[in-house]
Structure formats: structure tokens, C-alpha cells
Protein backbone atom coordinates (compact mmCIF):
# COMPACT_ATOMS: atom_id res chain seq x y z
CA UNK A 1 4.03 13.79 51.51
CA UNK A 2 7.07 15.38 49.87
CA UNK A 3 7.87 15.13 46.18
CA UNK A 4 11.13 16.00 44.49
CA UNK A 5 10.79 19.07 42.31
CA UNK A 6 13.15 19.04 39.36
CA UNK A 7 15.07 22.22 38.61
CA UNK A 8 15.78 21.41 35.00
CA UNK A 9 16.47 24.26 32.68
CA UNK A 10 15.67 23.18 29.14
CA UNK A 11 16.19 26.64 27.69
CA UNK A 12 19.30 25.61 25.76
CA UNK A 13 17.55 22.58 24.29
CA UNK A 14 14.50 24.67 23.33
CA UNK A 15 16.68 27.31 21.66
CA UNK A 16 18.61 24.70 19.70
CA UNK A 17 15.46 22.88 18.55
CA UNK A 18 13.89 26.19 17.49
CA UNK A 19 16.99 27.04 15.49
CA UNK A 20 17.04 23.64 13.78
CA UNK A 21 13.29 23.65 13.08
CA UNK A 22 13.57 27.05 11.37
CA UNK A 23 16.58 25.97 9.34
CA UNK A 24 15.24 22.49 8.42
CA UNK A 25 11.42 22.58 8.73
CA UNK A 26 10.75 19.26 6.95
CA UNK A 27 13.18 17.19 9.03
CA UNK A 28 12.24 15.06 12.00
CA UNK A 29 13.57 14.34 15.45
CA UNK A 30 16.28 11.91 14.36
CA UNK A 31 17.79 14.47 12.00
CA UNK A 32 17.73 17.19 14.68
CA UNK A 33 19.22 14.93 17.32
CA UNK A 34 21.94 13.77 14.93
CA UNK A 35 22.90 17.36 14.19
CA UNK A 36 22.95 18.20 17.91
CA UNK A 37 25.30 15.27 18.59
CA UNK A 38 27.54 16.19 15.64
CA UNK A 39 27.96 19.65 17.15
CA UNK A 40 29.35 18.01 20.28
CA UNK A 41 26.43 18.67 22.63
CA UNK A 42 25.99 15.74 25.03
CA UNK A 43 22.29 16.01 25.75
CA UNK A 44 20.37 12.86 26.61
CA UNK A 45 18.16 11.55 23.79
CA UNK A 46 15.18 11.16 26.15
CA UNK A 47 15.53 14.74 27.32
CA UNK A 48 15.69 16.13 23.79
CA UNK A 49 12.74 13.97 22.71
CA UNK A 50 10.66 15.13 25.70
CA UNK A 51 11.29 18.80 24.86
CA UNK A 52 10.69 18.09 21.14
CA UNK A 53 7.26 16.67 21.96
CA UNK A 54 6.40 19.47 24.39
CA UNK A 55 7.12 21.97 21.61
CA UNK A 56 4.72 20.06 19.29
CA UNK A 57 7.35 19.73 16.59
CA UNK A 58 6.50 16.11 15.82
CA UNK A 59 5.46 15.84 12.19
CA UNK A 60 2.66 13.78 10.73
CA UNK A 61 4.00 10.58 9.24
CA UNK A 62 3.23 10.25 5.56
CA UNK A 63 1.78 6.86 4.77
CA UNK A 64 2.32 5.02 1.54
CA UNK A 65 -0.44 5.53 -0.96
CA UNK A 66 -2.47 2.53 -1.93
CA UNK A 67 -1.91 1.45 -5.52
CA UNK A 68 -4.97 1.04 -7.72
CA UNK A 69 -6.07 -2.55 -8.34
CA UNK A 70 -4.48 -3.99 -11.43
CA UNK A 71 -6.46 -5.58 -14.22
CA UNK A 72 -5.82 -9.29 -14.50
CA UNK A 73 -5.01 -10.58 -17.96
CA UNK A 74 -4.67 -14.15 -19.12
CA UNK A 75 -1.18 -15.34 -20.06
CA UNK A 76 -0.33 -15.28 -23.74
CA UNK A 77 0.71 -18.55 -25.38
CA UNK A 78 3.48 -18.74 -27.99
CA UNK A 79 2.44 -19.30 -31.60
CA UNK A 80 4.98 -22.10 -32.20
CA UNK A 81 7.24 -24.36 -30.16
CA UNK A 82 10.70 -23.01 -29.37
CA UNK A 83 13.37 -24.27 -31.74
CA UNK A 84 16.57 -24.79 -29.68
CA UNK A 85 18.79 -25.29 -32.75
CA UNK A 86 18.34 -21.61 -33.60
CA UNK A 87 20.00 -20.55 -30.34
CA UNK A 88 23.00 -22.88 -30.56
CA UNK A 89 25.08 -20.32 -32.46
CA UNK A 90 25.46 -18.30 -29.23
CA UNK A 91 26.86 -21.23 -27.27
CA UNK A 92 30.61 -21.73 -27.64
CA UNK A 93 31.99 -25.20 -27.05
């Protein structure tokens, strides 16, 4: 049985990802790939992502923290009934 052996050279991609990861250590793949495309390099997204994962650059996703349970309070009731004639001075006819 004969299998095709790929002769890919990902050295350029590795160098570029190393450069970006040193310059922007807290950024993720999308930021790196966007910068690569803005520089005019036409590398396939799947190729760059494969190399990115092989280099173990993928960052841990930070999850939202759970808010503490709030204390339930009963609704407050007004002391007297609203008097609509008080508010009529703001209405212009």
C-alpha cells in the first residue's frame, strides 16, 4: 500500500506565529490570523490553525464567574395613593 507523503514546509507559519505570540501573548488565534491576513500573507486558515494547535498556543478560555445568589425582598407598597392632579402641571395642552 502506498500513501502520499506531504512535503509541506510550515517554517514560515511557525516563525510568524512565534513572532506574534511574543508580541501579543494574551491574544488568540483569531487575532493572529487577522494580523497575518492584514500583512498580505495568503495562508489558508486551516493550515494556520493546525500549526497553531501543534505549537500548543491555544489559550484557556476564561469562563464567566457565577454571581452570588441575591437576597429576595418583598416589594414595598406606597404610603398613599398617587394623586394625578399634582403631575398635571408638566403636561402642556
